[in-house]
Amino acid sequence: MIRTARGALAIVALLLVNQTALAEDDFPIVGTYMRDIACTGNGSDRPDLLVTITQKRIESPMGSCNILSRKRVGKAISAHVECKVPGDQLILGDVTFTIRDDKTLDFEDQDHTSDATLHRCAE
C-alpha cells in the first residue's frame, strides 16, 4: 500500500512539473522589455518605457494588468486582460503579442491605441 501511494505521489509530482514546463513553453514572453527602443542595460533605460511581463501580469507606466486568459497560436499570443489604468479606471480588453525572429515582440491592443514594439532586456 505504501509503495502504491508513493508511486501515485511521484506521478502527480511529475505531472505538475510537466504542466509547469508546458505553461512556460506556452508563454515564452515572460521578461522585462523597453517600449519602442532597445534596452541599454547600463541603468540609463527610461522607466516610463519599461514593461514587465509575468505569467499572470503585465506592468507598465500605462497601467497594471491581470492576465485572465491566454492562448498561443504559432508566434502569436492573445491574452484577455483586466487593467487598472491611471484615474483608477478598470478596463477589460484583449491584447496580442507576436514574437518576432529578432527577439522583440509586436504588441497590439484591441483598439490599436497603444500598439508598440517591445525590446527584451537582458535578465
PDB file of N, CA and C in Angstrom:
ATOM      1  N   MET A   1       0.809  -1.199   0.000  1.00  0.00           N
ATOM      2  CA  MET A   1       0.000   0.000   0.000  1.00  0.00           C
ATOM      3  C   MET A   1       0.851   1.261   0.000  1.00  0.00           C
ATOM      4  N   ILE A   2       1.926   1.276   0.780  1.00  0.00           N
ATOM      5  CA  ILE A   2       2.786   2.447   0.836  1.00  0.00           C
ATOM      6  C   ILE A   2       3.455   2.674  -0.507  1.00  0.00           C
ATOM      7  N   ARG A   3       3.878   1.585  -1.171  1.00  0.00           N
ATOM      8  CA  ARG A   3       4.511   1.732  -2.487  1.00  0.00           C
ATOM      9  C   ARG A   3       3.525   2.335  -3.495  1.00  0.00           C
ATOM     10  N   THR A   4       2.286   1.936  -3.424  1.00  0.00           N
ATOM     11  CA  THR A   4       1.281   2.463  -4.337  1.00  0.00           C
ATOM     12  C   THR A   4       1.078   3.958  -4.097  1.00  0.00           C
ATOM     13  N   ALA A   5       1.007   4.356  -2.839  1.00  0.00           N
ATOM     14  CA  ALA A   5       0.826   5.771  -2.506  1.00  0.00           C
ATOM     15  C   ALA A   5       2.036   6.577  -2.966  1.00  0.00           C
ATOM     16  N   ARG A   6       3.246   6.043  -2.750  1.00  0.00           N
ATOM     17  CA  ARG A   6       4.454   6.746  -3.193  1.00  0.00           C
ATOM     18  C   ARG A   6       4.475   6.854  -4.715  1.00  0.00           C
ATOM     19  N   GLY A   7       4.072   5.794  -5.379  1.00  0.00           N
ATOM     20  CA  GLY A   7       4.031   5.811  -6.841  1.00  0.00           C
ATOM     21  C   GLY A   7       3.042   6.846  -7.350  1.00  0.00           C
ATOM     22  N   ALA A   8       1.892   6.902  -6.695  1.00  0.00           N
ATOM     23  CA  ALA A   8       0.878   7.882  -7.096  1.00  0.00           C
ATOM     24  C   ALA A   8       1.380   9.301  -6.865  1.00  0.00           C
ATOM     25  N   LEU A   9       2.040   9.538  -5.740  1.00  0.00           N
ATOM     26  CA  LEU A   9       2.593  10.859  -5.463  1.00  0.00           C
ATOM     27  C   LEU A   9       3.670  11.229  -6.478  1.00  0.00           C
ATOM     28  N   ALA A  10       4.493  10.266  -6.861  1.00  0.00           N
ATOM     29  CA  ALA A  10       5.535  10.523  -7.855  1.00  0.00           C
ATOM     30  C   ALA A  10       4.915  10.893  -9.200  1.00  0.00           C
ATOM     31  N   ILE A  11       3.849  10.202  -9.569  1.00  0.00           N
ATOM     32  CA  ILE A  11       3.173  10.504 -10.838  1.00  0.00           C
ATOM     33  C   ILE A  11       2.559  11.895 -10.793  1.00  0.00           C
ATOM     34  N   VAL A  12       1.908  12.246  -9.686  1.00  0.00           N
ATOM     35  CA  VAL A  12       1.319  13.577  -9.545  1.00  0.00           C
ATOM     36  C   VAL A  12       2.401  14.649  -9.627  1.00  0.00           C
ATOM     37  N   ALA A  13       3.526  14.428  -8.939  1.00  0.00           N
ATOM     38  CA  ALA A  13       4.633  15.403  -8.980  1.00  0.00           C
ATOM     39  C   ALA A  13       5.167  15.560 -10.392  1.00  0.00           C
ATOM     40  N   LEU A  14       5.309  14.461 -11.104  1.00  0.00           N
ATOM     41  CA  LEU A  14       5.795  14.509 -12.485  1.00  0.00           C
ATOM     42  C   LEU A  14       4.821  15.272 -13.383  1.00  0.00           C
ATOM     43  N   LEU A  15       3.539  15.031 -13.202  1.00  0.00           N
ATOM     44  CA  LEU A  15       2.533  15.749 -13.990  1.00  0.00           C
ATOM     45  C   LEU A  15       2.568  17.244 -13.719  1.00  0.00           C
ATOM     46  N   LEU A  16       2.751  17.631 -12.453  1.00  0.00           N
ATOM     47  CA  LEU A  16       2.821  19.052 -12.113  1.00  0.00           C
ATOM     48  C   LEU A  16       4.050  19.703 -12.723  1.00  0.00           C
ATOM     49  N   VAL A  17       5.185  19.028 -12.696  1.00  0.00           N
ATOM     50  CA  VAL A  17       6.404  19.560 -13.304  1.00  0.00           C
ATOM     51  C   VAL A  17       6.205  19.712 -14.806  1.00  0.00           C
ATOM     52  N   ASN A  18       5.642  18.694 -15.456  1.00  0.00           N
ATOM     53  CA  ASN A  18       5.402  18.769 -16.901  1.00  0.00           C
ATOM     54  C   ASN A  18       4.403  19.869 -17.240  1.00  0.00           C
ATOM     55  N   GLN A  19       3.382  20.036 -16.425  1.00  0.00           N
ATOM     56  CA  GLN A  19       2.380  21.067 -16.674  1.00  0.00           C
ATOM     57  C   GLN A  19       3.012  22.456 -16.558  1.00  0.00           C
ATOM     58  N   THR A  20       3.894  22.646 -15.573  1.00  0.00           N
ATOM     59  CA  THR A  20       4.593  23.923 -15.418  1.00  0.00           C
ATOM     60  C   THR A  20       5.485  24.183 -16.617  1.00  0.00           C
ATOM     61  N   ALA A  21       6.211  23.174 -17.075  1.00  0.00           N
ATOM     62  CA  ALA A  21       7.083  23.335 -18.241  1.00  0.00           C
ATOM     63  C   ALA A  21       6.260  23.680 -19.475  1.00  0.00           C
ATOM     64  N   LEU A  22       5.132  23.021 -19.652  1.00  0.00           N
ATOM     65  CA  LEU A  22       4.276  23.329 -20.797  1.00  0.00           C
ATOM     66  C   LEU A  22       3.742  24.748 -20.710  1.00  0.00           C
ATOM     67  N   ALA A  23       3.372  25.196 -19.518  1.00  0.00           N
ATOM     68  CA  ALA A  23       2.854  26.543 -19.356  1.00  0.00           C
ATOM     69  C   ALA A  23       3.920  27.570 -19.721  1.00  0.00           C
ATOM     70  N   GLU A  24       5.177  27.324 -19.328  1.00  0.00           N
ATOM     71  CA  GLU A  24       6.255  28.247 -19.660  1.00  0.00           C
ATOM     72  C   GLU A  24       6.514  28.246 -21.157  1.00  0.00           C
ATOM     73  N   ASP A  25       6.492  27.070 -21.787  1.00  0.00           N
ATOM     74  CA  ASP A  25       6.687  26.989 -23.228  1.00  0.00           C
ATOM     75  C   ASP A  25       5.559  27.705 -23.960  1.00  0.00           C
ATOM     76  N   ASP A  26       4.359  27.661 -23.389  1.00  0.00           N
ATOM     77  CA  ASP A  26       3.192  28.274 -23.998  1.00  0.00           C
ATOM     78  C   ASP A  26       3.193  29.794 -23.822  1.00  0.00           C
ATOM     79  N   PHE A  27       4.019  30.317 -22.913  1.00  0.00           N
ATOM     80  CA  PHE A  27       4.074  31.751 -22.634  1.00  0.00           C
ATOM     81  C   PHE A  27       5.539  32.177 -22.497  1.00  0.00           C
ATOM     82  N   PRO A  28       6.278  32.119 -23.598  1.00  0.00           N
ATOM     83  CA  PRO A  28       7.726  32.362 -23.540  1.00  0.00           C
ATOM     84  C   PRO A  28       8.117  33.836 -23.498  1.00  0.00           C
ATOM     85  N   ILE A  29       7.163  34.722 -23.290  1.00  0.00           N
ATOM     86  CA  ILE A  29       7.451  36.150 -23.352  1.00  0.00           C
ATOM     87  C   ILE A  29       7.672  36.768 -21.975  1.00  0.00           C
ATOM     88  N   VAL A  30       7.726  35.953 -20.942  1.00  0.00           N
ATOM     89  CA  VAL A  30       7.974  36.468 -19.600  1.00  0.00           C
ATOM     90  C   VAL A  30       9.321  37.184 -19.596  1.00  0.00           C
ATOM     91  N   GLY A  31       9.351  38.412 -19.092  1.00  0.00           N
ATOM     92  CA  GLY A  31      10.596  39.162 -19.032  1.00  0.00           C
ATOM     93  C   GLY A  31      10.364  40.651 -18.913  1.00  0.00           C
ATOM     94  N   THR A  32      11.452  41.387 -19.057  1.00  0.00           N
ATOM     95  CA  THR A  32      11.429  42.842 -18.987  1.00  0.00           C
ATOM     96  C   THR A  32      11.749  43.397 -20.366  1.00  0.00           C
ATOM     97  N   TYR A  33      11.004  44.414 -20.754  1.00  0.00           N
ATOM     98  CA  TYR A  33      11.109  44.986 -22.096  1.00  0.00           C
ATOM     99  C   TYR A  33      11.127  46.508 -22.030  1.00  0.00           C
ATOM    100  N   MET A  34      11.631  47.111 -23.106  1.00  0.00           N
ATOM    101  CA  MET A  34      11.525  48.545 -23.307  1.00  0.00           C
ATOM    102  C   MET A  34      10.585  48.763 -24.484  1.00  0.00           C
ATOM    103  N   ARG A  35       9.734  49.760 -24.359  1.00  0.00           N
ATOM    104  CA  ARG A  35       8.747  50.068 -25.397  1.00  0.00           C
ATOM    105  C   ARG A  35       9.387  50.933 -26.485  1.00  0.00           C
ATOM    106  N   ASP A  36       9.442  50.400 -27.689  1.00  0.00           N
ATOM    107  CA  ASP A  36       9.872  51.089 -28.905  1.00  0.00           C
ATOM    108  C   ASP A  36      11.343  51.490 -28.983  1.00  0.00           C
ATOM    109  N   ILE A  37      12.146  51.173 -27.969  1.00  0.00           N
ATOM    110  CA  ILE A  37      13.590  51.404 -28.059  1.00  0.00           C
ATOM    111  C   ILE A  37      14.324  50.220 -27.436  1.00  0.00           C
ATOM    112  N   ALA A  38      15.559  50.018 -27.853  1.00  0.00           N
ATOM    113  CA  ALA A  38      16.357  48.918 -27.311  1.00  0.00           C
ATOM    114  C   ALA A  38      16.805  49.247 -25.886  1.00  0.00           C
ATOM    115  N   CYS A  39      16.945  48.211 -25.070  1.00  0.00           N
ATOM    116  CA  CYS A  39      17.466  48.369 -23.713  1.00  0.00           C
ATOM    117  C   CYS A  39      18.958  48.674 -23.785  1.00  0.00           C
ATOM    118  N   THR A  40      19.411  49.553 -22.902  1.00  0.00           N
ATOM    119  CA  THR A  40      20.841  49.839 -22.860  1.00  0.00           C
ATOM    120  C   THR A  40      21.551  48.883 -21.916  1.00  0.00           C
ATOM    121  N   GLY A  41      20.866  48.490 -20.835  1.00  0.00           N
ATOM    122  CA  GLY A  41      21.457  47.578 -19.873  1.00  0.00           C
ATOM    123  C   GLY A  41      22.454  48.231 -18.939  1.00  0.00           C
ATOM    124  N   ASN A  42      22.632  49.546 -19.041  1.00  0.00           N
ATOM    125  CA  ASN A  42      23.609  50.234 -18.195  1.00  0.00           C
ATOM    126  C   ASN A  42      22.953  51.095 -17.109  1.00  0.00           C
ATOM    127  N   GLY A  43      21.666  50.892 -16.882  1.00  0.00           N
ATOM    128  CA  GLY A  43      20.967  51.635 -15.853  1.00  0.00           C
ATOM    129  C   GLY A  43      20.372  52.957 -16.323  1.00  0.00           C
ATOM    130  N   SER A  44      20.576  53.292 -17.591  1.00  0.00           N
ATOM    131  CA  SER A  44      20.062  54.565 -18.089  1.00  0.00           C
ATOM    132  C   SER A  44      18.737  54.412 -18.839  1.00  0.00           C
ATOM    133  N   ASP A  45      18.156  53.210 -18.815  1.00  0.00           N
ATOM    134  CA  ASP A  45      16.883  52.993 -19.509  1.00  0.00           C
ATOM    135  C   ASP A  45      15.783  53.841 -18.875  1.00  0.00           C
ATOM    136  N   ARG A  46      14.928  54.377 -19.717  1.00  0.00           N
ATOM    137  CA  ARG A  46      13.852  55.247 -19.252  1.00  0.00           C
ATOM    138  C   ARG A  46      12.764  54.431 -18.546  1.00  0.00           C
ATOM    139  N   PRO A  47      12.487  54.715 -17.277  1.00  0.00           N
ATOM    140  CA  PRO A  47      11.465  53.959 -16.558  1.00  0.00           C
ATOM    141  C   PRO A  47      10.067  54.126 -17.144  1.00  0.00           C
ATOM    142  N   ASP A  48       9.820  55.225 -17.850  1.00  0.00           N
ATOM    143  CA  ASP A  48       8.496  55.450 -18.426  1.00  0.00           C
ATOM    144  C   ASP A  48       8.248  54.576 -19.655  1.00  0.00           C
ATOM    145  N   LEU A  49       9.258  53.812 -20.089  1.00  0.00           N
ATOM    146  CA  LEU A  49       9.097  52.908 -21.238  1.00  0.00           C
ATOM    147  C   LEU A  49       9.252  51.449 -20.844  1.00  0.00           C
ATOM    148  N   LEU A  50       9.413  51.178 -19.563  1.00  0.00           N
ATOM    149  CA  LEU A  50       9.651  49.828 -19.065  1.00  0.00           C
ATOM    150  C   LEU A  50       8.354  49.020 -18.990  1.00  0.00           C
ATOM    151  N   VAL A  51       8.389  47.808 -19.512  1.00  0.00           N
ATOM    152  CA  VAL A  51       7.242  46.892 -19.474  1.00  0.00           C
ATOM    153  C   VAL A  51       7.720  45.561 -18.908  1.00  0.00           C
ATOM    154  N   THR A  52       7.022  45.050 -17.896  1.00  0.00           N
ATOM    155  CA  THR A  52       7.364  43.765 -17.297  1.00  0.00           C
ATOM    156  C   THR A  52       6.199  42.803 -17.504  1.00  0.00           C
ATOM    157  N   ILE A  53       6.522  41.619 -18.010  1.00  0.00           N
ATOM    158  CA  ILE A  53       5.505  40.596 -18.262  1.00  0.00           C
ATOM    159  C   ILE A  53       5.838  39.369 -17.419  1.00  0.00           C
ATOM    160  N   THR A  54       4.853  38.899 -16.645  1.00  0.00           N
ATOM    161  CA  THR A  54       4.985  37.652 -15.898  1.00  0.00           C
ATOM    162  C   THR A  54       3.909  36.690 -16.407  1.00  0.00           C
ATOM    163  N   GLN A  55       3.835  35.532 -15.824  1.00  0.00           N
ATOM    164  CA  GLN A  55       2.820  34.548 -16.209  1.00  0.00           C
ATOM    165  C   GLN A  55       1.407  35.093 -15.995  1.00  0.00           C
ATOM    166  N   LYS A  56       1.250  36.002 -15.006  1.00  0.00           N
ATOM    167  CA  LYS A  56      -0.092  36.442 -14.622  1.00  0.00           C
ATOM    168  C   LYS A  56      -0.341  37.941 -14.754  1.00  0.00           C
ATOM    169  N   ARG A  57       0.725  38.733 -15.024  1.00  0.00           N
ATOM    170  CA  ARG A  57       0.552  40.188 -15.011  1.00  0.00           C
ATOM    171  C   ARG A  57       1.377  40.865 -16.096  1.00  0.00           C
ATOM    172  N   ILE A  58       0.934  42.063 -16.468  1.00  0.00           N
ATOM    173  CA  ILE A  58       1.683  42.966 -17.336  1.00  0.00           C
ATOM    174  C   ILE A  58       1.736  44.295 -16.602  1.00  0.00           C
ATOM    175  N   GLU A  59       2.946  44.784 -16.350  1.00  0.00           N
ATOM    176  CA  GLU A  59       3.121  46.043 -15.638  1.00  0.00           C
ATOM    177  C   GLU A  59       3.805  47.041 -16.564  1.00  0.00           C
ATOM    178  N   SER A  60       3.243  48.233 -16.647  1.00  0.00           N
ATOM    179  CA  SER A  60       3.857  49.301 -17.416  1.00  0.00           C
ATOM    180  C   SER A  60       3.386  50.631 -16.836  1.00  0.00           C
ATOM    181  N   PRO A  61       4.033  51.731 -17.216  1.00  0.00           N
ATOM    182  CA  PRO A  61       3.568  53.037 -16.737  1.00  0.00           C
ATOM    183  C   PRO A  61       2.129  53.350 -17.171  1.00  0.00           C
ATOM    184  N   MET A  62       1.646  52.679 -18.210  1.00  0.00           N
ATOM    185  CA  MET A  62       0.274  52.919 -18.685  1.00  0.00           C
ATOM    186  C   MET A  62      -0.767  52.246 -17.806  1.00  0.00           C
ATOM    187  N   GLY A  63      -0.341  51.238 -17.013  1.00  0.00           N
ATOM    188  CA  GLY A  63      -1.279  50.547 -16.154  1.00  0.00           C
ATOM    189  C   GLY A  63      -0.752  49.205 -15.708  1.00  0.00           C
ATOM    190  N   SER A  64      -1.546  48.567 -14.889  1.00  0.00           N
ATOM    191  CA  SER A  64      -1.224  47.257 -14.340  1.00  0.00           C
ATOM    192  C   SER A  64      -2.350  46.302 -14.732  1.00  0.00           C
ATOM    193  N   CYS A  65      -1.978  45.206 -15.407  1.00  0.00           N
ATOM    194  CA  CYS A  65      -2.996  44.301 -15.940  1.00  0.00           C
ATOM    195  C   CYS A  65      -2.860  42.893 -15.378  1.00  0.00           C
ATOM    196  N   ASN A  66      -3.977  42.309 -15.035  1.00  0.00           N
ATOM    197  CA  ASN A  66      -4.042  40.891 -14.711  1.00  0.00           C
ATOM    198  C   ASN A  66      -4.362  40.140 -15.992  1.00  0.00           C
ATOM    199  N   ILE A  67      -3.628  39.075 -16.255  1.00  0.00           N
ATOM    200  CA  ILE A  67      -3.908  38.242 -17.419  1.00  0.00           C
ATOM    201  C   ILE A  67      -4.959  37.225 -16.998  1.00  0.00           C
ATOM    202  N   LEU A  68      -6.157  37.354 -17.557  1.00  0.00           N
ATOM    203  CA  LEU A  68      -7.268  36.483 -17.180  1.00  0.00           C
ATOM    204  C   LEU A  68      -7.249  35.170 -17.948  1.00  0.00           C
ATOM    205  N   SER A  69      -6.824  35.229 -19.203  1.00  0.00           N
ATOM    206  CA  SER A  69      -6.682  34.019 -20.013  1.00  0.00           C
ATOM    207  C   SER A  69      -5.716  34.323 -21.141  1.00  0.00           C
ATOM    208  N   ARG A  70      -5.168  33.269 -21.724  1.00  0.00           N
ATOM    209  CA  ARG A  70      -4.241  33.454 -22.839  1.00  0.00           C
ATOM    210  C   ARG A  70      -4.281  32.246 -23.747  1.00  0.00           C
ATOM    211  N   LYS A  71      -3.889  32.489 -24.986  1.00  0.00           N
ATOM    212  CA  LYS A  71      -3.893  31.419 -25.985  1.00  0.00           C
ATOM    213  C   LYS A  71      -2.754  31.685 -26.957  1.00  0.00           C
ATOM    214  N   ARG A  72      -2.021  30.636 -27.272  1.00  0.00           N
ATOM    215  CA  ARG A  72      -0.924  30.776 -28.217  1.00  0.00           C
ATOM    216  C   ARG A  72      -1.238  30.024 -29.499  1.00  0.00           C
ATOM    217  N   VAL A  73      -1.029  30.695 -30.630  1.00  0.00           N
ATOM    218  CA  VAL A  73      -1.156  30.077 -31.942  1.00  0.00           C
ATOM    219  C   VAL A  73       0.090  30.495 -32.720  1.00  0.00           C
ATOM    220  N   GLY A  74       1.017  29.565 -32.890  1.00  0.00           N
ATOM    221  CA  GLY A  74       2.268  29.882 -33.565  1.00  0.00           C
ATOM    222  C   GLY A  74       3.041  30.930 -32.795  1.00  0.00           C
ATOM    223  N   LYS A  75       3.389  32.022 -33.453  1.00  0.00           N
ATOM    224  CA  LYS A  75       4.159  33.093 -32.820  1.00  0.00           C
ATOM    225  C   LYS A  75       3.280  34.156 -32.170  1.00  0.00           C
ATOM    226  N   ALA A  76       1.974  34.011 -32.277  1.00  0.00           N
ATOM    227  CA  ALA A  76       1.047  34.990 -31.705  1.00  0.00           C
ATOM    228  C   ALA A  76       0.474  34.479 -30.383  1.00  0.00           C
ATOM    229  N   ILE A  77       0.496  35.350 -29.383  1.00  0.00           N
ATOM    230  CA  ILE A  77      -0.076  35.038 -28.081  1.00  0.00           C
ATOM    231  C   ILE A  77      -1.151  36.082 -27.800  1.00  0.00           C
ATOM    232  N   SER A  78      -2.374  35.616 -27.673  1.00  0.00           N
ATOM    233  CA  SER A  78      -3.500  36.504 -27.363  1.00  0.00           C
ATOM    234  C   SER A  78      -3.819  36.377 -25.884  1.00  0.00           C
ATOM    235  N   ALA A  79      -4.151  37.502 -25.267  1.00  0.00           N
ATOM    236  CA  ALA A  79      -4.488  37.483 -23.848  1.00  0.00           C
ATOM    237  C   ALA A  79      -5.700  38.371 -23.597  1.00  0.00           C
ATOM    238  N   HIS A  80      -6.553  37.894 -22.717  1.00  0.00           N
ATOM    239  CA  HIS A  80      -7.683  38.693 -22.237  1.00  0.00           C
ATOM    240  C   HIS A  80      -7.217  39.270 -20.905  1.00  0.00           C
ATOM    241  N   VAL A  81      -7.260  40.592 -20.766  1.00  0.00           N
ATOM    242  CA  VAL A  81      -6.686  41.245 -19.601  1.00  0.00           C
ATOM    243  C   VAL A  81      -7.685  42.172 -18.913  1.00  0.00           C
ATOM    244  N   GLU A  82      -7.443  42.357 -17.634  1.00  0.00           N
ATOM    245  CA  GLU A  82      -8.179  43.324 -16.825  1.00  0.00           C
ATOM    246  C   GLU A  82      -7.136  44.310 -16.324  1.00  0.00           C
ATOM    247  N   CYS A  83      -7.269  45.563 -16.722  1.00  0.00           N
ATOM    248  CA  CYS A  83      -6.237  46.552 -16.423  1.00  0.00           C
ATOM    249  C   CYS A  83      -6.768  47.689 -15.558  1.00  0.00           C
ATOM    250  N   LYS A  84      -5.924  48.084 -14.620  1.00  0.00           N
ATOM    251  CA  LYS A  84      -6.195  49.279 -13.826  1.00  0.00           C
ATOM    252  C   LYS A  84      -5.285  50.360 -14.391  1.00  0.00           C
ATOM    253  N   VAL A  85      -5.880  51.402 -14.919  1.00  0.00           N
ATOM    254  CA  VAL A  85      -5.146  52.471 -15.578  1.00  0.00           C
ATOM    255  C   VAL A  85      -5.250  53.741 -14.735  1.00  0.00           C
ATOM    256  N   PRO A  86      -4.418  54.751 -15.040  1.00  0.00           N
ATOM    257  CA  PRO A  86      -4.490  55.998 -14.267  1.00  0.00           C
ATOM    258  C   PRO A  86      -5.923  56.516 -14.162  1.00  0.00           C
ATOM    259  N   GLY A  87      -6.224  57.080 -13.008  1.00  0.00           N
ATOM    260  CA  GLY A  87      -7.584  57.547 -12.738  1.00  0.00           C
ATOM    261  C   GLY A  87      -8.412  56.445 -12.102  1.00  0.00           C
ATOM    262  N   ASP A  88      -7.760  55.362 -11.700  1.00  0.00           N
ATOM    263  CA  ASP A  88      -8.414  54.206 -11.083  1.00  0.00           C
ATOM    264  C   ASP A  88      -9.500  53.595 -11.952  1.00  0.00           C
ATOM    265  N   GLN A  89      -9.359  53.738 -13.263  1.00  0.00           N
ATOM    266  CA  GLN A  89     -10.291  53.085 -14.184  1.00  0.00           C
ATOM    267  C   GLN A  89      -9.921  51.621 -14.309  1.00  0.00           C
ATOM    268  N   LEU A  90     -10.919  50.770 -14.394  1.00  0.00           N
ATOM    269  CA  LEU A  90     -10.730  49.341 -14.612  1.00  0.00           C
ATOM    270  C   LEU A  90     -11.292  49.016 -15.988  1.00  0.00           C
ATOM    271  N   ILE A  91     -10.461  48.457 -16.858  1.00  0.00           N
ATOM    272  CA  ILE A  91     -10.925  48.128 -18.204  1.00  0.00           C
ATOM    273  C   ILE A  91     -10.614  46.669 -18.518  1.00  0.00           C
ATOM    274  N   LEU A  92     -11.472  46.061 -19.297  1.00  0.00           N
ATOM    275  CA  LEU A  92     -11.260  44.710 -19.815  1.00  0.00           C
ATOM    276  C   LEU A  92     -10.933  44.833 -21.288  1.00  0.00           C
ATOM    277  N   GLY A  93     -10.052  43.989 -21.768  1.00  0.00           N
ATOM    278  CA  GLY A  93      -9.718  44.051 -23.183  1.00  0.00           C
ATOM    279  C   GLY A  93      -8.878  42.879 -23.615  1.00  0.00           C
ATOM    280  N   ASP A  94      -8.546  42.883 -24.876  1.00  0.00           N
ATOM    281  CA  ASP A  94      -7.725  41.829 -25.460  1.00  0.00           C
ATOM    282  C   ASP A  94      -6.468  42.439 -26.043  1.00  0.00           C
ATOM    283  N   VAL A  95      -5.356  41.745 -25.857  1.00  0.00           N
ATOM    284  CA  VAL A  95      -4.082  42.178 -26.414  1.00  0.00           C
ATOM    285  C   VAL A  95      -3.444  40.994 -27.138  1.00  0.00           C
ATOM    286  N   THR A  96      -2.567  41.316 -28.067  1.00  0.00           N
ATOM    287  CA  THR A  96      -1.844  40.283 -28.799  1.00  0.00           C
ATOM    288  C   THR A  96      -0.366  40.627 -28.821  1.00  0.00           C
ATOM    289  N   PHE A  97       0.454  39.639 -28.509  1.00  0.00           N
ATOM    290  CA  PHE A  97       1.897  39.745 -28.624  1.00  0.00           C
ATOM    291  C   PHE A  97       2.311  38.814 -29.761  1.00  0.00           C
ATOM    292  N   THR A  98       3.091  39.312 -30.699  1.00  0.00           N
ATOM    293  CA  THR A  98       3.619  38.469 -31.767  1.00  0.00           C
ATOM    294  C   THR A  98       5.126  38.430 -31.625  1.00  0.00           C
ATOM    295  N   ILE A  99       5.648  37.226 -31.478  1.00  0.00           N
ATOM    296  CA  ILE A  99       7.080  37.031 -31.290  1.00  0.00           C
ATOM    297  C   ILE A  99       7.775  37.163 -32.643  1.00  0.00           C
ATOM    298  N   ARG A 100       8.734  38.087 -32.710  1.00  0.00           N
ATOM    299  CA  ARG A 100       9.498  38.280 -33.940  1.00  0.00           C
ATOM    300  C   ARG A 100      10.817  37.516 -33.855  1.00  0.00           C
ATOM    301  N   ASP A 101      11.409  37.245 -34.998  1.00  0.00           N
ATOM    302  CA  ASP A 101      12.654  36.481 -35.040  1.00  0.00           C
ATOM    303  C   ASP A 101      13.809  37.179 -34.337  1.00  0.00           C
ATOM    304  N   ASP A 102      13.761  38.507 -34.217  1.00  0.00           N
ATOM    305  CA  ASP A 102      14.852  39.246 -33.578  1.00  0.00           C
ATOM    306  C   ASP A 102      14.651  39.389 -32.064  1.00  0.00           C
ATOM    307  N   LYS A 103      13.796  38.549 -31.479  1.00  0.00           N
ATOM    308  CA  LYS A 103      13.535  38.510 -30.039  1.00  0.00           C
ATOM    309  C   LYS A 103      12.745  39.709 -29.524  1.00  0.00           C
ATOM    310  N   THR A 104      12.172  40.493 -30.419  1.00  0.00           N
ATOM    311  CA  THR A 104      11.285  41.566 -29.986  1.00  0.00           C
ATOM    312  C   THR A 104       9.851  41.063 -30.089  1.00  0.00           C
ATOM    313  N   LEU A 105       8.938  41.823 -29.521  1.00  0.00           N
ATOM    314  CA  LEU A 105       7.514  41.495 -29.568  1.00  0.00           C
ATOM    315  C   LEU A 105       6.771  42.647 -30.220  1.00  0.00           C
ATOM    316  N   ASP A 106       5.861  42.323 -31.097  1.00  0.00           N
ATOM    317  CA  ASP A 106       4.900  43.308 -31.571  1.00  0.00           C
ATOM    318  C   ASP A 106       3.714  43.218 -30.625  1.00  0.00           C
ATOM    319  N   PHE A 107       3.302  44.348 -30.079  1.00  0.00           N
ATOM    320  CA  PHE A 107       2.187  44.412 -29.150  1.00  0.00           C
ATOM    321  C   PHE A 107       1.047  45.179 -29.800  1.00  0.00           C
ATOM    322  N   GLU A 108      -0.149  44.612 -29.719  1.00  0.00           N
ATOM    323  CA  GLU A 108      -1.350  45.283 -30.220  1.00  0.00           C
ATOM    324  C   GLU A 108      -2.459  45.146 -29.190  1.00  0.00           C
ATOM    325  N   ASP A 109      -3.165  46.246 -28.945  1.00  0.00           N
ATOM    326  CA  ASP A 109      -4.376  46.132 -28.141  1.00  0.00           C
ATOM    327  C   ASP A 109      -5.569  46.103 -29.098  1.00  0.00           C
ATOM    328  N   GLN A 110      -6.709  45.730 -28.590  1.00  0.00           N
ATOM    329  CA  GLN A 110      -7.874  45.509 -29.460  1.00  0.00           C
ATOM    330  C   GLN A 110      -8.299  46.761 -30.217  1.00  0.00           C
ATOM    331  N   ASP A 111      -8.035  47.941 -29.667  1.00  0.00           N
ATOM    332  CA  ASP A 111      -8.445  49.180 -30.321  1.00  0.00           C
ATOM    333  C   ASP A 111      -7.294  49.861 -31.068  1.00  0.00           C
ATOM    334  N   HIS A 112      -6.126  49.259 -31.018  1.00  0.00           N
ATOM    335  CA  HIS A 112      -4.916  49.800 -31.653  1.00  0.00           C
ATOM    336  C   HIS A 112      -4.589  51.211 -31.170  1.00  0.00           C
ATOM    337  N   THR A 113      -4.778  51.444 -29.868  1.00  0.00           N
ATOM    338  CA  THR A 113      -4.449  52.746 -29.297  1.00  0.00           C
ATOM    339  C   THR A 113      -3.069  52.769 -28.653  1.00  0.00           C
ATOM    340  N   SER A 114      -2.491  51.594 -28.394  1.00  0.00           N
ATOM    341  CA  SER A 114      -1.204  51.519 -27.697  1.00  0.00           C
ATOM    342  C   SER A 114      -0.240  50.556 -28.370  1.00  0.00           C
ATOM    343  N   ASP A 115      -0.377  50.323 -29.657  1.00  0.00           N
ATOM    344  CA  ASP A 115       0.500  49.378 -30.360  1.00  0.00           C
ATOM    345  C   ASP A 115       1.960  49.787 -30.176  1.00  0.00           C
ATOM    346  N   ALA A 116       2.846  48.786 -30.056  1.00  0.00           N
ATOM    347  CA  ALA A 116       4.253  49.072 -29.788  1.00  0.00           C
ATOM    348  C   ALA A 116       5.113  47.876 -30.191  1.00  0.00           C
ATOM    349  N   THR A 117       6.398  48.131 -30.265  1.00  0.00           N
ATOM    350  CA  THR A 117       7.386  47.064 -30.378  1.00  0.00           C
ATOM    351  C   THR A 117       8.110  47.002 -29.046  1.00  0.00           C
ATOM    352  N   LEU A 118       8.147  45.819 -28.451  1.00  0.00           N
ATOM    353  CA  LEU A 118       8.793  45.639 -27.162  1.00  0.00           C
ATOM    354  C   LEU A 118      10.142  44.947 -27.356  1.00  0.00           C
ATOM    355  N   HIS A 119      11.194  45.567 -26.856  1.00  0.00           N
ATOM    356  CA  HIS A 119      12.559  45.051 -26.975  1.00  0.00           C
ATOM    357  C   HIS A 119      12.965  44.405 -25.660  1.00  0.00           C
ATOM    358  N   ARG A 120      13.325  43.124 -25.712  1.00  0.00           N
ATOM    359  CA  ARG A 120      13.675  42.384 -24.493  1.00  0.00           C
ATOM    360  C   ARG A 120      14.974  42.914 -23.908  1.00  0.00           C
ATOM    361  N   CYS A 121      14.959  43.069 -22.592  1.00  0.00           N
ATOM    362  CA  CYS A 121      16.158  43.490 -21.860  1.00  0.00           C
ATOM    363  C   CYS A 121      16.869  42.249 -21.329  1.00  0.00           C
ATOM    364  N   ALA A 122      18.170  42.341 -21.163  1.00  0.00           N
ATOM    365  CA  ALA A 122      18.938  41.227 -20.588  1.00  0.00           C
ATOM    366  C   ALA A 122      18.462  40.990 -19.164  1.00  0.00           C
ATOM    367  N   GLU A 123      18.379  39.747 -18.808  1.00  0.00           N
ATOM    368  CA  GLU A 123      17.923  39.401 -17.442  1.00  0.00           C
ATOM    369  C   GLU A 123      19.087  39.338 -16.489  1.00  0.00           C
TER     370      GLU A 123
END
